[in-house]
Amino acid sequence: MRPIEDRPESATTSGIDPEVDARHKLNQETARIPWRDLQRFFAQGKVIWVRDGLDLIETALLIARDDAPTIDAEMAHGGIVPVPDRQARDWFETNASLWAVVVKPWVLVQEVACTSGSTPTLAQGSSRTFCFAPPNGLASG
């Protein structure tokens, strides 16, 4: 067996900053998901809403690192909040699709920006725009 100093870098360390590696892993684990698929997690009180203007991955990193002072500050400003019942109901009724990432035991969600093929629609009782994809991925028209 060769001494550690003679081994290729990949044999001793990934050579990647752990923070960059954690960010990369979280990014790969982020996906779009219908709100309806998150109902059981919401019922357990485990869904956290990351508001527009905050980076979902950076917020997930804060939670993974247990950065309580920063998390508390964002919660105080309303940037990170448990999903309110009314918002959950709106997302359910509109069949909303959200970005989600899991940082056990939490599921962090953020609204999806409109993309080609989706229809921007005002949310009921709000000036916020949500995106709705046609059923079965079919383009409307």
N, C-alpha and C. Protein backbone atom coordinates (compact mmCIF):
# COMPACT_ATOMS: atom_id res chain seq x y z
N MET A 1 0.84 -1.18 0.00
CA MET A 1 0.00 0.00 0.00
C MET A 1 0.88 1.24 0.00
N ARG A 2 0.54 2.21 -0.86
CA ARG A 2 1.34 3.44 -0.93
C ARG A 2 1.01 4.35 0.24
N PRO A 3 1.97 5.14 0.69
CA PRO A 3 1.68 6.12 1.74
C PRO A 3 0.65 7.13 1.22
N ILE A 4 -0.09 7.73 2.14
CA ILE A 4 -1.13 8.68 1.78
C ILE A 4 -0.60 9.78 0.88
N GLU A 5 0.57 10.32 1.18
CA GLU A 5 1.09 11.45 0.39
C GLU A 5 1.39 11.06 -1.05
N ASP A 6 1.53 9.75 -1.36
CA ASP A 6 1.78 9.31 -2.73
C ASP A 6 0.50 8.97 -3.50
N ARG A 7 -0.63 8.95 -2.83
CA ARG A 7 -1.89 8.61 -3.48
C ARG A 7 -2.42 9.79 -4.28
N PRO A 8 -3.17 9.51 -5.33
CA PRO A 8 -3.80 10.61 -6.07
C PRO A 8 -4.76 11.36 -5.15
N GLU A 9 -4.98 12.63 -5.46
CA GLU A 9 -5.84 13.45 -4.61
C GLU A 9 -7.20 12.83 -4.39
N SER A 10 -7.79 12.21 -5.41
CA SER A 10 -9.12 11.64 -5.27
C SER A 10 -9.16 10.49 -4.27
N ALA A 11 -8.03 9.89 -3.98
CA ALA A 11 -8.00 8.79 -3.03
C ALA A 11 -8.02 9.28 -1.59
N THR A 12 -7.60 10.53 -1.35
CA THR A 12 -7.54 11.04 0.02
C THR A 12 -8.65 12.03 0.33
N THR A 13 -9.06 12.79 -0.65
CA THR A 13 -10.10 13.81 -0.46
C THR A 13 -10.72 14.13 -1.80
N SER A 14 -11.88 14.62 -1.78
CA SER A 14 -12.54 14.97 -3.03
C SER A 14 -11.94 16.22 -3.65
N GLY A 15 -11.20 16.98 -2.86
CA GLY A 15 -10.63 18.22 -3.36
C GLY A 15 -11.67 19.32 -3.51
N ILE A 16 -12.88 19.07 -3.05
CA ILE A 16 -13.96 20.04 -3.16
C ILE A 16 -14.25 20.60 -1.78
N ASP A 17 -14.42 21.90 -1.73
CA ASP A 17 -14.80 22.57 -0.49
C ASP A 17 -16.10 21.94 0.01
N PRO A 18 -16.17 21.52 1.29
CA PRO A 18 -17.38 20.87 1.80
C PRO A 18 -18.64 21.72 1.62
N GLU A 19 -18.50 23.04 1.70
CA GLU A 19 -19.65 23.93 1.50
C GLU A 19 -20.15 23.85 0.06
N VAL A 20 -19.22 23.85 -0.88
CA VAL A 20 -19.57 23.74 -2.30
C VAL A 20 -20.19 22.37 -2.57
N ASP A 21 -19.61 21.34 -1.98
CA ASP A 21 -20.14 19.99 -2.16
C ASP A 21 -21.56 19.88 -1.60
N ALA A 22 -21.81 20.44 -0.42
CA ALA A 22 -23.16 20.41 0.18
C ALA A 22 -24.15 21.17 -0.69
N ARG A 23 -23.74 22.33 -1.21
CA ARG A 23 -24.61 23.12 -2.09
C ARG A 23 -24.93 22.32 -3.36
N HIS A 24 -23.93 21.68 -3.91
CA HIS A 24 -24.12 20.88 -5.13
C HIS A 24 -25.09 19.72 -4.87
N LYS A 25 -24.94 19.02 -3.76
CA LYS A 25 -25.83 17.91 -3.44
C LYS A 25 -27.27 18.38 -3.25
N LEU A 26 -27.45 19.49 -2.53
CA LEU A 26 -28.80 20.02 -2.33
C LEU A 26 -29.43 20.43 -3.66
N ASN A 27 -28.63 21.04 -4.51
CA ASN A 27 -29.14 21.46 -5.82
C ASN A 27 -29.61 20.25 -6.63
N GLN A 28 -28.86 19.16 -6.57
CA GLN A 28 -29.25 17.95 -7.29
C GLN A 28 -30.50 17.29 -6.71
N GLU A 29 -30.77 17.54 -5.43
CA GLU A 29 -31.92 16.94 -4.77
C GLU A 29 -33.17 17.82 -4.84
N THR A 30 -33.06 18.97 -5.47
CA THR A 30 -34.18 19.89 -5.61
C THR A 30 -35.01 19.50 -6.83
N ALA A 31 -36.33 19.52 -6.66
CA ALA A 31 -37.20 19.13 -7.76
C ALA A 31 -38.52 19.87 -7.68
N ARG A 32 -39.19 19.93 -8.83
CA ARG A 32 -40.56 20.46 -8.86
C ARG A 32 -41.50 19.36 -8.42
N ILE A 33 -42.49 19.75 -7.62
CA ILE A 33 -43.44 18.76 -7.12
C ILE A 33 -44.80 19.42 -6.95
N PRO A 34 -45.86 18.72 -7.28
CA PRO A 34 -47.20 19.28 -7.04
C PRO A 34 -47.45 19.41 -5.54
N TRP A 35 -48.08 20.51 -5.14
CA TRP A 35 -48.39 20.72 -3.73
C TRP A 35 -49.17 19.54 -3.16
N ARG A 36 -50.05 18.99 -3.96
CA ARG A 36 -50.89 17.87 -3.47
C ARG A 36 -50.05 16.69 -3.00
N ASP A 37 -48.86 16.52 -3.58
CA ASP A 37 -47.98 15.42 -3.16
C ASP A 37 -47.30 15.70 -1.82
N LEU A 38 -47.42 16.92 -1.32
CA LEU A 38 -46.77 17.29 -0.06
C LEU A 38 -47.76 17.36 1.10
N GLN A 39 -49.01 16.98 0.86
CA GLN A 39 -50.05 17.12 1.88
C GLN A 39 -49.72 16.43 3.20
N ARG A 40 -49.20 15.22 3.14
CA ARG A 40 -48.93 14.51 4.39
C ARG A 40 -47.83 15.18 5.20
N PHE A 41 -46.86 15.78 4.52
CA PHE A 41 -45.79 16.50 5.23
C PHE A 41 -46.33 17.79 5.83
N PHE A 42 -47.22 18.45 5.08
CA PHE A 42 -47.87 19.66 5.60
C PHE A 42 -48.68 19.32 6.85
N ALA A 43 -49.42 18.22 6.80
CA ALA A 43 -50.25 17.80 7.94
C ALA A 43 -49.39 17.51 9.18
N GLN A 44 -48.15 17.12 8.95
CA GLN A 44 -47.22 16.85 10.06
C GLN A 44 -46.50 18.11 10.53
N GLY A 45 -46.76 19.24 9.85
CA GLY A 45 -46.11 20.50 10.22
C GLY A 45 -44.66 20.59 9.80
N LYS A 46 -44.30 19.87 8.74
CA LYS A 46 -42.89 19.80 8.33
C LYS A 46 -42.56 20.54 7.04
N VAL A 47 -43.50 21.35 6.54
CA VAL A 47 -43.23 22.07 5.29
C VAL A 47 -42.95 23.54 5.61
N ILE A 48 -41.81 24.01 5.13
CA ILE A 48 -41.37 25.39 5.35
C ILE A 48 -41.39 26.12 4.01
N TRP A 49 -42.02 27.29 4.01
CA TRP A 49 -42.12 28.11 2.80
C TRP A 49 -40.95 29.08 2.77
N VAL A 50 -40.17 29.02 1.70
CA VAL A 50 -39.08 29.96 1.46
C VAL A 50 -39.62 30.98 0.47
N ARG A 51 -39.77 32.21 0.93
CA ARG A 51 -40.40 33.25 0.11
C ARG A 51 -39.52 33.69 -1.05
N ASP A 52 -40.17 34.29 -2.05
CA ASP A 52 -39.46 34.88 -3.18
C ASP A 52 -38.40 35.83 -2.66
N GLY A 53 -37.29 35.91 -3.34
CA GLY A 53 -36.22 36.80 -2.94
C GLY A 53 -35.14 36.08 -2.14
N LEU A 54 -35.47 34.91 -1.60
CA LEU A 54 -34.48 34.09 -0.92
C LEU A 54 -34.11 32.92 -1.82
N ASP A 55 -32.87 32.51 -1.76
CA ASP A 55 -32.40 31.38 -2.53
C ASP A 55 -32.75 30.09 -1.79
N LEU A 56 -33.48 29.21 -2.45
CA LEU A 56 -33.92 27.97 -1.83
C LEU A 56 -32.73 27.13 -1.34
N ILE A 57 -31.71 27.01 -2.15
CA ILE A 57 -30.54 26.19 -1.79
C ILE A 57 -29.77 26.82 -0.63
N GLU A 58 -29.57 28.13 -0.68
CA GLU A 58 -28.87 28.80 0.42
C GLU A 58 -29.64 28.66 1.72
N THR A 59 -30.97 28.75 1.64
CA THR A 59 -31.80 28.58 2.82
C THR A 59 -31.69 27.15 3.35
N ALA A 60 -31.68 26.17 2.46
CA ALA A 60 -31.52 24.78 2.86
C ALA A 60 -30.17 24.58 3.55
N LEU A 61 -29.13 25.24 3.05
CA LEU A 61 -27.81 25.15 3.69
C LEU A 61 -27.84 25.73 5.10
N LEU A 62 -28.53 26.85 5.28
CA LEU A 62 -28.65 27.46 6.61
C LEU A 62 -29.28 26.46 7.59
N ILE A 63 -30.32 25.79 7.13
CA ILE A 63 -31.01 24.83 7.99
C ILE A 63 -30.14 23.60 8.24
N ALA A 64 -29.45 23.13 7.21
CA ALA A 64 -28.57 21.97 7.36
C ALA A 64 -27.44 22.27 8.35
N ARG A 65 -26.95 23.51 8.32
CA ARG A 65 -25.87 23.92 9.25
C ARG A 65 -26.41 24.32 10.61
N ASP A 66 -27.73 24.38 10.74
CA ASP A 66 -28.38 24.81 11.98
C ASP A 66 -27.91 26.21 12.38
N ASP A 67 -27.91 27.11 11.40
CA ASP A 67 -27.50 28.50 11.61
C ASP A 67 -28.67 29.28 12.22
N ALA A 68 -28.92 29.03 13.51
CA ALA A 68 -30.09 29.57 14.21
C ALA A 68 -30.21 31.09 14.13
N PRO A 69 -29.14 31.87 14.33
CA PRO A 69 -29.31 33.33 14.27
C PRO A 69 -29.82 33.82 12.91
N THR A 70 -29.28 33.28 11.83
CA THR A 70 -29.71 33.70 10.49
C THR A 70 -31.12 33.21 10.20
N ILE A 71 -31.41 31.98 10.58
CA ILE A 71 -32.75 31.43 10.37
C ILE A 71 -33.78 32.25 11.15
N ASP A 72 -33.48 32.55 12.42
CA ASP A 72 -34.39 33.35 13.24
C ASP A 72 -34.63 34.72 12.63
N ALA A 73 -33.58 35.34 12.09
CA ALA A 73 -33.72 36.66 11.47
C ALA A 73 -34.63 36.58 10.24
N GLU A 74 -34.45 35.55 9.41
CA GLU A 74 -35.29 35.39 8.23
C GLU A 74 -36.74 35.10 8.62
N MET A 75 -36.92 34.33 9.68
CA MET A 75 -38.28 34.04 10.15
C MET A 75 -38.94 35.32 10.65
N ALA A 76 -38.18 36.15 11.35
CA ALA A 76 -38.72 37.41 11.87
C ALA A 76 -39.14 38.35 10.74
N HIS A 77 -38.44 38.28 9.60
CA HIS A 77 -38.78 39.11 8.44
C HIS A 77 -39.80 38.45 7.52
N GLY A 78 -40.23 37.24 7.86
CA GLY A 78 -41.23 36.55 7.04
C GLY A 78 -40.67 35.86 5.82
N GLY A 79 -39.36 35.73 5.71
CA GLY A 79 -38.75 35.08 4.56
C GLY A 79 -38.82 33.57 4.61
N ILE A 80 -38.81 33.03 5.82
CA ILE A 80 -38.91 31.58 6.04
C ILE A 80 -40.04 31.38 7.04
N VAL A 81 -41.10 30.68 6.63
CA VAL A 81 -42.25 30.49 7.51
C VAL A 81 -42.85 29.11 7.30
N PRO A 82 -43.46 28.56 8.35
CA PRO A 82 -44.26 27.36 8.12
C PRO A 82 -45.40 27.73 7.17
N VAL A 83 -45.78 26.84 6.30
CA VAL A 83 -46.83 27.15 5.32
C VAL A 83 -48.14 27.38 6.07
N PRO A 84 -48.71 28.60 5.93
CA PRO A 84 -50.00 28.88 6.58
C PRO A 84 -51.12 28.06 5.94
N ASP A 85 -52.16 27.77 6.71
CA ASP A 85 -53.30 26.99 6.22
C ASP A 85 -53.90 27.60 4.96
N ARG A 86 -54.06 28.91 4.95
CA ARG A 86 -54.68 29.56 3.79
C ARG A 86 -53.85 29.37 2.53
N GLN A 87 -52.50 29.48 2.68
CA GLN A 87 -51.63 29.29 1.52
C GLN A 87 -51.70 27.84 1.04
N ALA A 88 -51.72 26.92 1.98
CA ALA A 88 -51.83 25.50 1.62
C ALA A 88 -53.12 25.24 0.85
N ARG A 89 -54.20 25.84 1.30
CA ARG A 89 -55.49 25.68 0.63
C ARG A 89 -55.44 26.27 -0.78
N ASP A 90 -54.84 27.46 -0.93
CA ASP A 90 -54.72 28.09 -2.25
C ASP A 90 -53.91 27.21 -3.20
N TRP A 91 -52.77 26.69 -2.71
CA TRP A 91 -51.94 25.83 -3.55
C TRP A 91 -52.69 24.56 -3.93
N PHE A 92 -53.47 24.03 -2.99
CA PHE A 92 -54.23 22.81 -3.27
C PHE A 92 -55.30 23.08 -4.33
N GLU A 93 -56.05 24.16 -4.15
CA GLU A 93 -57.14 24.49 -5.08
C GLU A 93 -56.64 24.81 -6.48
N THR A 94 -55.45 25.37 -6.58
CA THR A 94 -54.91 25.75 -7.88
C THR A 94 -53.96 24.70 -8.46
N ASN A 95 -53.81 23.59 -7.74
CA ASN A 95 -52.91 22.52 -8.16
C ASN A 95 -51.52 23.06 -8.47
N ALA A 96 -51.01 23.86 -7.56
CA ALA A 96 -49.72 24.52 -7.74
C ALA A 96 -48.57 23.53 -7.76
N SER A 97 -47.54 23.89 -8.49
CA SER A 97 -46.29 23.14 -8.54
C SER A 97 -45.23 23.99 -7.84
N LEU A 98 -44.44 23.38 -6.98
CA LEU A 98 -43.44 24.11 -6.20
C LEU A 98 -42.08 23.47 -6.36
N TRP A 99 -41.04 24.26 -6.12
CA TRP A 99 -39.70 23.70 -5.98
C TRP A 99 -39.61 23.19 -4.56
N ALA A 100 -39.00 22.03 -4.37
CA ALA A 100 -38.87 21.47 -3.04
C ALA A 100 -37.50 20.82 -2.86
N VAL A 101 -37.03 20.88 -1.62
CA VAL A 101 -35.80 20.19 -1.24
C VAL A 101 -35.98 19.74 0.20
N VAL A 102 -35.46 18.57 0.52
CA VAL A 102 -35.60 18.02 1.86
C VAL A 102 -34.32 18.25 2.65
N VAL A 103 -34.49 18.83 3.84
CA VAL A 103 -33.43 18.91 4.84
C VAL A 103 -34.09 18.35 6.10
N LYS A 104 -33.91 17.05 6.29
CA LYS A 104 -34.64 16.34 7.35
C LYS A 104 -34.58 17.08 8.67
N PRO A 105 -35.73 17.20 9.33
CA PRO A 105 -37.03 16.60 9.00
C PRO A 105 -37.91 17.51 8.15
N TRP A 106 -37.36 18.59 7.62
CA TRP A 106 -38.14 19.60 6.92
C TRP A 106 -38.18 19.37 5.42
N VAL A 107 -39.27 19.85 4.81
CA VAL A 107 -39.37 19.97 3.36
C VAL A 107 -39.50 21.46 3.09
N LEU A 108 -38.52 22.02 2.40
CA LEU A 108 -38.55 23.44 2.06
C LEU A 108 -39.17 23.58 0.69
N VAL A 109 -40.09 24.54 0.54
CA VAL A 109 -40.76 24.76 -0.74
C VAL A 109 -40.66 26.22 -1.14
N GLN A 110 -40.69 26.42 -2.45
CA GLN A 110 -40.69 27.78 -3.00
C GLN A 110 -41.50 27.74 -4.29
N GLU A 111 -42.21 28.81 -4.55
CA GLU A 111 -43.04 28.87 -5.76
C GLU A 111 -42.17 28.83 -7.00
N VAL A 112 -42.72 28.21 -8.05
CA VAL A 112 -42.05 28.03 -9.32
C VAL A 112 -42.31 29.23 -10.20
N ALA A 113 -41.27 29.76 -10.82
CA ALA A 113 -41.46 30.83 -11.80
C ALA A 113 -42.09 30.25 -13.05
N CYS A 114 -42.86 31.04 -13.76
CA CYS A 114 -43.52 30.57 -14.98
C CYS A 114 -42.48 30.22 -16.03
N THR A 115 -42.76 29.16 -16.77
CA THR A 115 -41.90 28.74 -17.86
C THR A 115 -42.72 28.62 -19.13
N SER A 116 -42.08 28.36 -20.22
CA SER A 116 -42.77 28.18 -21.49
C SER A 116 -43.79 27.06 -21.37
N GLY A 117 -45.00 27.30 -21.82
CA GLY A 117 -46.04 26.29 -21.76
C GLY A 117 -46.91 26.38 -20.52
N SER A 118 -46.53 27.24 -19.57
CA SER A 118 -47.38 27.40 -18.39
C SER A 118 -48.13 28.72 -18.51
N THR A 119 -49.20 28.83 -17.77
CA THR A 119 -50.06 29.99 -17.86
C THR A 119 -49.98 30.81 -16.58
N PRO A 120 -49.50 32.07 -16.65
CA PRO A 120 -49.51 32.90 -15.45
C PRO A 120 -50.94 33.28 -15.09
N THR A 121 -51.31 33.08 -13.83
CA THR A 121 -52.67 33.32 -13.38
C THR A 121 -52.63 33.98 -12.01
N LEU A 122 -53.47 35.00 -11.81
CA LEU A 122 -53.53 35.64 -10.50
C LEU A 122 -54.13 34.68 -9.49
N ALA A 123 -53.50 34.60 -8.33
CA ALA A 123 -54.03 33.76 -7.26
C ALA A 123 -55.28 34.40 -6.69
N GLN A 124 -56.20 33.58 -6.26
CA GLN A 124 -57.47 34.06 -5.72
C GLN A 124 -57.22 34.98 -4.53
N GLY A 125 -57.79 36.19 -4.57
CA GLY A 125 -57.67 37.14 -3.47
C GLY A 125 -56.28 37.71 -3.30
N SER A 126 -55.48 37.69 -4.36
CA SER A 126 -54.09 38.12 -4.24
C SER A 126 -53.66 38.80 -5.54
N SER A 127 -52.57 39.52 -5.45
CA SER A 127 -51.98 40.10 -6.66
C SER A 127 -50.83 39.23 -7.15
N ARG A 128 -50.58 38.10 -6.48
CA ARG A 128 -49.49 37.20 -6.85
C ARG A 128 -49.87 36.36 -8.06
N THR A 129 -48.89 36.10 -8.89
CA THR A 129 -49.09 35.28 -10.07
C THR A 129 -48.54 33.88 -9.83
N PHE A 130 -49.33 32.88 -10.17
CA PHE A 130 -48.89 31.50 -10.08
C PHE A 130 -48.88 30.91 -11.49
N CYS A 131 -48.16 29.83 -11.68
CA CYS A 131 -48.06 29.20 -12.98
C CYS A 131 -48.78 27.87 -12.98
N PHE A 132 -49.51 27.63 -14.02
CA PHE A 132 -50.26 26.39 -14.13
C PHE A 132 -49.95 25.74 -15.46
N ALA A 133 -49.44 24.54 -15.39
CA ALA A 133 -49.16 23.79 -16.61
C ALA A 133 -50.43 23.07 -17.04
N PRO A 134 -50.65 22.95 -18.32
CA PRO A 134 -51.83 22.21 -18.79
C PRO A 134 -51.75 20.75 -18.34
N PRO A 135 -52.90 20.09 -18.16
CA PRO A 135 -52.88 18.68 -17.75
C PRO A 135 -52.12 17.83 -18.74
N ASN A 136 -51.47 16.81 -18.24
CA ASN A 136 -50.72 15.86 -19.06
C ASN A 136 -49.65 16.51 -19.93
N GLY A 137 -49.20 17.71 -19.52
CA GLY A 137 -48.14 18.38 -20.26
C GLY A 137 -48.54 18.90 -21.62
N LEU A 138 -49.84 18.91 -21.92
CA LEU A 138 -50.30 19.38 -23.22
C LEU A 138 -50.36 20.89 -23.25
N ALA A 139 -49.92 21.47 -24.30
CA ALA A 139 -49.96 22.92 -24.45
C ALA A 139 -51.41 23.35 -24.64
N SER A 140 -51.76 24.47 -24.03
CA SER A 140 -53.11 24.98 -24.21
C SER A 140 -53.17 25.78 -25.49
N GLY A 141 -54.35 25.96 -26.00
CA GLY A 141 -54.41 26.77 -27.18
C GLY A 141 -55.58 26.50 -27.94
